Amino acid sequence: MKILVCLKQVFDTEAKITLDSNGKIERKGVSLIMNPYDEFAVEEALRIKEKAGGEVTVISVGGQQTQDALRQALAMGADKAVLVDSGEAELDEYSTATILAKVIGDMEYDIILGGFRAIDDGSAQVAGRVAEILNIPVVNVVTKLEITDGKATATREIEGGSEVVEVTLPAIITAQKGLNEPRYPSMKGIMKAKKKPMDKKALADIGLDESQVAAKVKAISFALPEARKAGKVIPGEPAEAARELAKLLREEAK
């Protein structure tokens, strides 16, 4: 099977977000990681490969630092990587999906995997947009996946429960937490990853220019949430403290 995984590099979940002097998110000195939901997608791709055979290719759009996330996927066991360097272009979900679909359109694939959302913007749009451009089905928020006879049977989360969906391949599947437990790259895998192929492309290499991927949506401004106010300790015996708490909730917290 030809298995593709779309992944994104994001801020570390433990990173402290600050704004620079221009009111934009400060990126200097912030640790970057593979989007956690995309890790589930990489792991599932590797499990499909181990069961059915085939090849796993990971794809990302971003700057040169995105190589770190791709190398992690290669160290986990992926076979090849493709990085499209978007240069200085400011991207939104439309831009990213357009680039990914253009790259994927020139590749062979049986199934495409990705995280159902990225933890930085939380939009959960890119996979659906790619599926629309490629004219293939998409199943989102998947917690269990089985591949047999050219079909995928996916269990996905819905409000208040789950549903089982069968779809003919090729298709896009997006991963939710619970689909699997991603493996840690071994030392042997890390050493092998250094020798695995990584195809680096510019927009011009895939037949696009910045005007064709110009963002449709742009953030006008950013603001940090207000600092949490200090809590209040109510002294006294339980009955007395409870009366005072009720009074404060009614009169101050309203």
C-alpha atoms as a PDB file:
ATOM      1  CA  MET A   1       0.000   0.000   0.000  1.00  0.00           C
ATOM      2  CA  LYS A   2       1.017   3.564  -0.648  1.00  0.00           C
ATOM      3  CA  ILE A   3       0.306   5.408   2.602  1.00  0.00           C
ATOM      4  CA  LEU A   4       0.655   9.180   2.946  1.00  0.00           C
ATOM      5  CA  VAL A   5       0.624  11.137   6.201  1.00  0.00           C
ATOM      6  CA  CYS A   6       0.152  14.911   6.340  1.00  0.00           C
ATOM      7  CA  LEU A   7       1.702  16.421   9.443  1.00  0.00           C
ATOM      8  CA  LYS A   8       2.352  19.823  10.940  1.00  0.00           C
ATOM      9  CA  GLN A   9       5.002  21.234  13.238  1.00  0.00           C
ATOM     10  CA  VAL A  10       3.530  23.213  16.152  1.00  0.00           C
ATOM     11  CA  PHE A  11       4.564  24.895  19.387  1.00  0.00           C
ATOM     12  CA  ASP A  12       5.383  22.542  22.239  1.00  0.00           C
ATOM     13  CA  THR A  13       2.307  22.027  24.406  1.00  0.00           C
ATOM     14  CA  GLU A  14       4.343  23.258  27.386  1.00  0.00           C
ATOM     15  CA  ALA A  15       5.512  26.431  25.611  1.00  0.00           C
ATOM     16  CA  LYS A  16       4.687  29.771  27.192  1.00  0.00           C
ATOM     17  CA  ILE A  17       3.035  32.019  24.610  1.00  0.00           C
ATOM     18  CA  THR A  18       4.138  35.669  24.551  1.00  0.00           C
ATOM     19  CA  LEU A  19       3.699  38.569  22.133  1.00  0.00           C
ATOM     20  CA  ASP A  20       6.536  40.550  20.566  1.00  0.00           C
ATOM     21  CA  SER A  21       6.746  44.345  20.261  1.00  0.00           C
ATOM     22  CA  ASN A  22       4.585  44.230  17.123  1.00  0.00           C
ATOM     23  CA  GLY A  23       1.805  42.347  18.876  1.00  0.00           C
ATOM     24  CA  LYS A  24       2.519  39.081  17.063  1.00  0.00           C
ATOM     25  CA  ILE A  25       3.220  35.694  18.621  1.00  0.00           C
ATOM     26  CA  GLU A  26       6.880  35.455  19.636  1.00  0.00           C
ATOM     27  CA  ARG A  27       8.454  32.425  17.963  1.00  0.00           C
ATOM     28  CA  LYS A  28      12.071  32.870  19.008  1.00  0.00           C
ATOM     29  CA  GLY A  29      13.281  30.380  21.574  1.00  0.00           C
ATOM     30  CA  VAL A  30      10.066  28.320  21.494  1.00  0.00           C
ATOM     31  CA  SER A  31      10.401  24.542  21.236  1.00  0.00           C
ATOM     32  CA  LEU A  32       8.609  22.980  18.278  1.00  0.00           C
ATOM     33  CA  ILE A  33       7.126  19.477  18.085  1.00  0.00           C
ATOM     34  CA  MET A  34       5.093  17.299  15.734  1.00  0.00           C
ATOM     35  CA  ASN A  35       1.407  18.006  16.183  1.00  0.00           C
ATOM     36  CA  PRO A  36       0.264  15.329  18.700  1.00  0.00           C
ATOM     37  CA  TYR A  37      -2.776  14.299  16.631  1.00  0.00           C
ATOM     38  CA  ASP A  38      -0.476  13.800  13.641  1.00  0.00           C
ATOM     39  CA  GLU A  39       1.617  11.441  15.768  1.00  0.00           C
ATOM     40  CA  PHE A  40      -1.435   9.176  16.011  1.00  0.00           C
ATOM     41  CA  ALA A  41      -1.697   9.348  12.219  1.00  0.00           C
ATOM     42  CA  VAL A  42       1.964   8.404  11.735  1.00  0.00           C
ATOM     43  CA  GLU A  43       1.632   5.491  14.160  1.00  0.00           C
ATOM     44  CA  GLU A  44      -1.496   4.216  12.400  1.00  0.00           C
ATOM     45  CA  ALA A  45       0.252   4.447   9.034  1.00  0.00           C
ATOM     46  CA  LEU A  46       3.117   2.356  10.375  1.00  0.00           C
ATOM     47  CA  ARG A  47       0.701  -0.248  11.750  1.00  0.00           C
ATOM     48  CA  ILE A  48      -1.052  -0.504   8.376  1.00  0.00           C
ATOM     49  CA  LYS A  49       2.339  -0.947   6.707  1.00  0.00           C
ATOM     50  CA  GLU A  50       3.379  -3.626   9.199  1.00  0.00           C
ATOM     51  CA  LYS A  51       0.138  -5.534   8.626  1.00  0.00           C
ATOM     52  CA  ALA A  52      -0.381  -5.140   4.884  1.00  0.00           C
ATOM     53  CA  GLY A  53       3.044  -4.090   3.607  1.00  0.00           C
ATOM     54  CA  GLY A  54       3.744  -0.961   1.620  1.00  0.00           C
ATOM     55  CA  GLU A  55       5.423   2.399   2.022  1.00  0.00           C
ATOM     56  CA  VAL A  56       4.798   5.374   4.302  1.00  0.00           C
ATOM     57  CA  THR A  57       5.558   8.898   3.080  1.00  0.00           C
ATOM     58  CA  VAL A  58       5.171  11.889   5.402  1.00  0.00           C
ATOM     59  CA  ILE A  59       4.430  15.333   3.973  1.00  0.00           C
ATOM     60  CA  SER A  60       4.517  18.787   5.523  1.00  0.00           C
ATOM     61  CA  VAL A  61       4.360  22.448   4.565  1.00  0.00           C
ATOM     62  CA  GLY A  62       6.580  24.881   6.451  1.00  0.00           C
ATOM     63  CA  GLY A  63      10.037  26.329   6.898  1.00  0.00           C
ATOM     64  CA  GLN A  64      13.307  24.460   7.086  1.00  0.00           C
ATOM     65  CA  GLN A  65      12.814  23.831  10.822  1.00  0.00           C
ATOM     66  CA  THR A  66       9.896  21.558   9.892  1.00  0.00           C
ATOM     67  CA  GLN A  67      12.499  18.969   8.933  1.00  0.00           C
ATOM     68  CA  ASP A  68      12.750  18.101  12.645  1.00  0.00           C
ATOM     69  CA  ALA A  69       9.127  16.903  12.761  1.00  0.00           C
ATOM     70  CA  LEU A  70       9.567  14.968   9.518  1.00  0.00           C
ATOM     71  CA  ARG A  71      12.770  13.349  10.810  1.00  0.00           C
ATOM     72  CA  GLN A  72      10.881  12.260  13.922  1.00  0.00           C
ATOM     73  CA  ALA A  73       8.335  10.498  11.716  1.00  0.00           C
ATOM     74  CA  LEU A  74      11.171   8.885   9.738  1.00  0.00           C
ATOM     75  CA  ALA A  75      12.762   7.756  13.005  1.00  0.00           C
ATOM     76  CA  MET A  76       9.445   6.194  14.037  1.00  0.00           C
ATOM     77  CA  GLY A  77       9.554   4.120  10.850  1.00  0.00           C
ATOM     78  CA  ALA A  78       8.258   6.154   7.904  1.00  0.00           C
ATOM     79  CA  ASP A  79      10.129   5.541   4.657  1.00  0.00           C
ATOM     80  CA  LYS A  80      10.267   8.934   2.942  1.00  0.00           C
ATOM     81  CA  ALA A  81       9.485  12.572   3.593  1.00  0.00           C
ATOM     82  CA  VAL A  82       8.424  15.543   1.478  1.00  0.00           C
ATOM     83  CA  LEU A  83       8.833  19.129   2.681  1.00  0.00           C
ATOM     84  CA  VAL A  84       7.336  22.045   0.787  1.00  0.00           C
ATOM     85  CA  ASP A  85       9.035  25.246   1.911  1.00  0.00           C
ATOM     86  CA  SER A  86       6.407  27.970   1.673  1.00  0.00           C
ATOM     87  CA  GLY A  87       9.011  30.731   2.074  1.00  0.00           C
ATOM     88  CA  GLU A  88       7.734  33.960   3.571  1.00  0.00           C
ATOM     89  CA  ALA A  89       4.131  33.357   2.493  1.00  0.00           C
ATOM     90  CA  GLU A  90       1.579  33.734   5.287  1.00  0.00           C
ATOM     91  CA  LEU A  91      -0.562  30.611   5.174  1.00  0.00           C
ATOM     92  CA  ASP A  92      -4.067  29.761   6.306  1.00  0.00           C
ATOM     93  CA  GLU A  93      -6.018  26.508   5.989  1.00  0.00           C
ATOM     94  CA  TYR A  94      -6.869  27.253   2.344  1.00  0.00           C
ATOM     95  CA  SER A  95      -3.192  27.848   1.519  1.00  0.00           C
ATOM     96  CA  THR A  96      -1.952  24.712   3.273  1.00  0.00           C
ATOM     97  CA  ALA A  97      -4.623  22.491   1.732  1.00  0.00           C
ATOM     98  CA  THR A  98      -3.924  23.878  -1.744  1.00  0.00           C
ATOM     99  CA  ILE A  99      -0.217  23.103  -1.409  1.00  0.00           C
ATOM    100  CA  LEU A 100      -0.750  19.627   0.062  1.00  0.00           C
ATOM    101  CA  ALA A 101      -3.307  18.690  -2.595  1.00  0.00           C
ATOM    102  CA  LYS A 102      -0.975  19.862  -5.350  1.00  0.00           C
ATOM    103  CA  VAL A 103       1.875  17.703  -4.034  1.00  0.00           C
ATOM    104  CA  ILE A 104      -0.334  14.677  -3.356  1.00  0.00           C
ATOM    105  CA  GLY A 105      -1.968  14.946  -6.781  1.00  0.00           C
ATOM    106  CA  ASP A 106       1.344  13.966  -8.382  1.00  0.00           C
ATOM    107  CA  MET A 107       1.861  10.971  -6.066  1.00  0.00           C
ATOM    108  CA  GLU A 108       0.492   7.447  -5.859  1.00  0.00           C
ATOM    109  CA  TYR A 109      -1.586   6.751  -2.759  1.00  0.00           C
ATOM    110  CA  ASP A 110      -4.118   4.292  -1.390  1.00  0.00           C
ATOM    111  CA  ILE A 111      -4.863   6.111   1.867  1.00  0.00           C
ATOM    112  CA  ILE A 112      -3.999   9.490   3.406  1.00  0.00           C
ATOM    113  CA  LEU A 113      -3.818   9.990   7.167  1.00  0.00           C
ATOM    114  CA  GLY A 114      -3.519  13.067   9.343  1.00  0.00           C
ATOM    115  CA  GLY A 115      -4.507  14.451  12.722  1.00  0.00           C
ATOM    116  CA  PHE A 116      -8.091  15.687  12.899  1.00  0.00           C
ATOM    117  CA  ARG A 117      -6.844  19.083  14.060  1.00  0.00           C
ATOM    118  CA  ALA A 118      -3.669  20.950  14.911  1.00  0.00           C
ATOM    119  CA  ILE A 119      -3.248  22.096  18.503  1.00  0.00           C
ATOM    120  CA  ASP A 120      -2.097  25.602  17.525  1.00  0.00           C
ATOM    121  CA  ASP A 121      -5.032  26.888  15.461  1.00  0.00           C
ATOM    122  CA  GLY A 122      -7.559  24.121  16.216  1.00  0.00           C
ATOM    123  CA  SER A 123      -9.342  24.709  12.913  1.00  0.00           C
ATOM    124  CA  ALA A 124      -9.731  21.036  11.837  1.00  0.00           C
ATOM    125  CA  GLN A 125     -10.149  22.186   8.226  1.00  0.00           C
ATOM    126  CA  VAL A 126      -7.089  21.102   6.242  1.00  0.00           C
ATOM    127  CA  ALA A 127      -7.864  17.393   5.759  1.00  0.00           C
ATOM    128  CA  GLY A 128     -11.402  18.122   4.616  1.00  0.00           C
ATOM    129  CA  ARG A 129     -10.202  20.755   2.189  1.00  0.00           C
ATOM    130  CA  VAL A 130      -7.584  18.397   0.741  1.00  0.00           C
ATOM    131  CA  ALA A 131     -10.223  15.694   0.301  1.00  0.00           C
ATOM    132  CA  GLU A 132     -12.498  18.149  -1.507  1.00  0.00           C
ATOM    133  CA  ILE A 133      -9.732  19.229  -3.901  1.00  0.00           C
ATOM    134  CA  LEU A 134      -8.700  15.621  -4.612  1.00  0.00           C
ATOM    135  CA  ASN A 135     -12.358  14.542  -4.852  1.00  0.00           C
ATOM    136  CA  ILE A 136     -11.957  11.640  -2.420  1.00  0.00           C
ATOM    137  CA  PRO A 137     -13.962  10.794   0.737  1.00  0.00           C
ATOM    138  CA  VAL A 138     -12.860  11.823   4.224  1.00  0.00           C
ATOM    139  CA  VAL A 139     -13.689  10.277   7.606  1.00  0.00           C
ATOM    140  CA  ASN A 140     -12.909  12.495  10.587  1.00  0.00           C
ATOM    141  CA  VAL A 141     -12.164  11.938  14.287  1.00  0.00           C
ATOM    142  CA  VAL A 142     -11.374   8.236  13.926  1.00  0.00           C
ATOM    143  CA  THR A 143     -10.638   6.091  16.996  1.00  0.00           C
ATOM    144  CA  LYS A 144     -10.408   2.685  15.298  1.00  0.00           C
ATOM    145  CA  LEU A 145      -9.418   1.753  11.749  1.00  0.00           C
ATOM    146  CA  GLU A 146      -9.417  -1.490   9.767  1.00  0.00           C
ATOM    147  CA  ILE A 147      -8.267  -1.856   6.161  1.00  0.00           C
ATOM    148  CA  THR A 148      -9.477  -4.841   4.108  1.00  0.00           C
ATOM    149  CA  ASP A 149     -10.116  -5.507   0.413  1.00  0.00           C
ATOM    150  CA  GLY A 150      -9.667  -1.919  -0.707  1.00  0.00           C
ATOM    151  CA  LYS A 151     -12.019  -0.543   1.927  1.00  0.00           C
ATOM    152  CA  ALA A 152     -11.561   1.221   5.260  1.00  0.00           C
ATOM    153  CA  THR A 153     -13.881   0.574   8.189  1.00  0.00           C
ATOM    154  CA  ALA A 154     -13.547   3.430  10.647  1.00  0.00           C
ATOM    155  CA  THR A 155     -15.085   4.007  14.057  1.00  0.00           C
ATOM    156  CA  ARG A 156     -15.462   7.737  14.598  1.00  0.00           C
ATOM    157  CA  GLU A 157     -16.614   9.979  17.404  1.00  0.00           C
ATOM    158  CA  ILE A 158     -19.971  11.708  17.124  1.00  0.00           C
ATOM    159  CA  GLU A 159     -21.848  13.756  19.695  1.00  0.00           C
ATOM    160  CA  GLY A 160     -23.022  11.427  22.416  1.00  0.00           C
ATOM    161  CA  GLY A 161     -21.470   8.275  20.996  1.00  0.00           C
ATOM    162  CA  SER A 162     -19.720   6.766  17.994  1.00  0.00           C
ATOM    163  CA  GLU A 163     -20.520   5.446  14.537  1.00  0.00           C
ATOM    164  CA  VAL A 164     -18.902   2.952  12.173  1.00  0.00           C
ATOM    165  CA  VAL A 165     -18.288   4.112   8.610  1.00  0.00           C
ATOM    166  CA  GLU A 166     -17.151   2.043   5.627  1.00  0.00           C
ATOM    167  CA  VAL A 167     -15.465   3.884   2.782  1.00  0.00           C
ATOM    168  CA  THR A 168     -13.819   2.789  -0.448  1.00  0.00           C
ATOM    169  CA  LEU A 169     -10.151   3.700  -0.827  1.00  0.00           C
ATOM    170  CA  PRO A 170      -8.488   6.010  -1.630  1.00  0.00           C
ATOM    171  CA  ALA A 171      -9.727   8.150   1.240  1.00  0.00           C
ATOM    172  CA  ILE A 172      -8.508  10.538   3.913  1.00  0.00           C
ATOM    173  CA  ILE A 173      -8.719   9.445   7.540  1.00  0.00           C
ATOM    174  CA  THR A 174      -8.112  11.864  10.415  1.00  0.00           C
ATOM    175  CA  ALA A 175      -6.931  10.578  13.778  1.00  0.00           C
ATOM    176  CA  GLN A 176      -8.359  11.277  17.220  1.00  0.00           C
ATOM    177  CA  LYS A 177      -6.775  10.479  20.574  1.00  0.00           C
ATOM    178  CA  GLY A 178      -7.431   6.835  21.398  1.00  0.00           C
ATOM    179  CA  LEU A 179      -6.733   5.514  17.910  1.00  0.00           C
ATOM    180  CA  ASN A 180      -3.411   4.106  19.136  1.00  0.00           C
ATOM    181  CA  GLU A 181      -0.375   4.790  21.335  1.00  0.00           C
ATOM    182  CA  PRO A 182       2.424   6.343  19.257  1.00  0.00           C
ATOM    183  CA  ARG A 183       5.789   4.615  19.553  1.00  0.00           C
ATOM    184  CA  TYR A 184       8.970   6.373  20.629  1.00  0.00           C
ATOM    185  CA  PRO A 185      11.727   6.495  18.026  1.00  0.00           C
ATOM    186  CA  SER A 186      14.489   4.028  18.889  1.00  0.00           C
ATOM    187  CA  MET A 187      18.164   4.935  18.693  1.00  0.00           C
ATOM    188  CA  LYS A 188      18.436   2.649  15.676  1.00  0.00           C
ATOM    189  CA  GLY A 189      15.460   4.405  14.094  1.00  0.00           C
ATOM    190  CA  ILE A 190      16.980   7.833  14.743  1.00  0.00           C
ATOM    191  CA  MET A 191      20.232   6.812  13.058  1.00  0.00           C
ATOM    192  CA  LYS A 192      18.365   5.329  10.076  1.00  0.00           C
ATOM    193  CA  ALA A 193      16.264   8.485   9.720  1.00  0.00           C
ATOM    194  CA  LYS A 194      19.370  10.503   8.852  1.00  0.00           C
ATOM    195  CA  LYS A 195      19.827   8.433   5.695  1.00  0.00           C
ATOM    196  CA  LYS A 196      16.207   8.257   4.585  1.00  0.00           C
ATOM    197  CA  PRO A 197      15.210  10.472   1.625  1.00  0.00           C
ATOM    198  CA  MET A 198      13.651  13.869   2.221  1.00  0.00           C
ATOM    199  CA  ASP A 199      12.453  15.639  -0.904  1.00  0.00           C
ATOM    200  CA  LYS A 200      12.596  19.401  -0.358  1.00  0.00           C
ATOM    201  CA  LYS A 201      10.511  21.511  -2.701  1.00  0.00           C
ATOM    202  CA  ALA A 202       9.756  25.187  -3.165  1.00  0.00           C
ATOM    203  CA  LEU A 203       6.353  26.423  -4.305  1.00  0.00           C
ATOM    204  CA  ALA A 204       7.719  26.890  -7.833  1.00  0.00           C
ATOM    205  CA  ASP A 205       8.774  23.235  -7.927  1.00  0.00           C
ATOM    206  CA  ILE A 206       5.148  22.112  -7.628  1.00  0.00           C
ATOM    207  CA  GLY A 207       3.823  24.705 -10.069  1.00  0.00           C
ATOM    208  CA  LEU A 208       2.525  27.269  -7.586  1.00  0.00           C
ATOM    209  CA  ASP A 209       3.448  30.827  -6.683  1.00  0.00           C
ATOM    210  CA  GLU A 210       2.634  32.925  -3.638  1.00  0.00           C
ATOM    211  CA  SER A 211      -0.354  34.592  -5.306  1.00  0.00           C
ATOM    212  CA  GLN A 212      -2.011  31.206  -5.802  1.00  0.00           C
ATOM    213  CA  VAL A 213      -1.712  30.282  -2.143  1.00  0.00           C
ATOM    214  CA  ALA A 214      -2.349  33.716  -0.640  1.00  0.00           C
ATOM    215  CA  ALA A 215      -4.248  33.398   2.632  1.00  0.00           C
ATOM    216  CA  LYS A 216      -7.994  34.035   2.487  1.00  0.00           C
ATOM    217  CA  VAL A 217      -8.119  34.671   6.245  1.00  0.00           C
ATOM    218  CA  LYS A 218      -5.614  36.706   8.255  1.00  0.00           C
ATOM    219  CA  ALA A 219      -5.358  37.362  11.974  1.00  0.00           C
ATOM    220  CA  ILE A 220      -5.820  41.071  12.605  1.00  0.00           C
ATOM    221  CA  SER A 221      -4.531  41.092  16.173  1.00  0.00           C
ATOM    222  CA  PHE A 222      -3.570  38.852  19.078  1.00  0.00           C
ATOM    223  CA  ALA A 223      -4.255  39.320  22.770  1.00  0.00           C
ATOM    224  CA  LEU A 224      -3.198  37.245  25.752  1.00  0.00           C
ATOM    225  CA  PRO A 225      -5.891  36.237  28.264  1.00  0.00           C
ATOM    226  CA  GLU A 226      -6.124  38.227  31.483  1.00  0.00           C
ATOM    227  CA  ALA A 227      -4.011  36.880  34.300  1.00  0.00           C
ATOM    228  CA  ARG A 228      -5.964  34.765  36.754  1.00  0.00           C
ATOM    229  CA  LYS A 229      -6.857  36.645  39.906  1.00  0.00           C
ATOM    230  CA  ALA A 230      -5.709  35.307  43.240  1.00  0.00           C
ATOM    231  CA  GLY A 231      -8.159  33.067  45.045  1.00  0.00           C
ATOM    232  CA  LYS A 232      -9.745  33.963  48.359  1.00  0.00           C
ATOM    233  CA  VAL A 233      -9.484  31.839  51.504  1.00  0.00           C
ATOM    234  CA  ILE A 234     -12.489  32.006  53.833  1.00  0.00           C
ATOM    235  CA  PRO A 235     -11.464  31.288  57.431  1.00  0.00           C
ATOM    236  CA  GLY A 236     -13.649  30.050  60.267  1.00  0.00           C
ATOM    237  CA  GLU A 237     -15.673  27.002  61.168  1.00  0.00           C
ATOM    238  CA  PRO A 238     -17.332  25.102  58.277  1.00  0.00           C
ATOM    239  CA  ALA A 239     -20.866  26.386  58.947  1.00  0.00           C
ATOM    240  CA  GLU A 240     -19.650  29.986  59.342  1.00  0.00           C
ATOM    241  CA  ALA A 241     -17.390  29.749  56.278  1.00  0.00           C
ATOM    242  CA  ALA A 242     -20.254  28.285  54.201  1.00  0.00           C
ATOM    243  CA  ARG A 243     -22.521  31.216  55.094  1.00  0.00           C
ATOM    244  CA  GLU A 244     -19.790  33.684  54.154  1.00  0.00           C
ATOM    245  CA  LEU A 245     -19.147  31.835  50.874  1.00  0.00           C
ATOM    246  CA  ALA A 246     -22.832  31.948  49.955  1.00  0.00           C
ATOM    247  CA  LYS A 247     -22.890  35.668  50.689  1.00  0.00           C
ATOM    248  CA  LEU A 248     -19.807  36.343  48.539  1.00  0.00           C
ATOM    249  CA  LEU A 249     -21.144  34.269  45.662  1.00  0.00           C
ATOM    250  CA  ARG A 250     -24.394  36.208  45.741  1.00  0.00           C
ATOM    251  CA  GLU A 251     -23.065  39.743  46.335  1.00  0.00           C
ATOM    252  CA  GLU A 252     -19.587  39.745  44.729  1.00  0.00           C
ATOM    253  CA  ALA A 253     -19.536  36.979  42.118  1.00  0.00           C
ATOM    254  CA  LYS A 254     -23.237  37.543  41.364  1.00  0.00           C
END
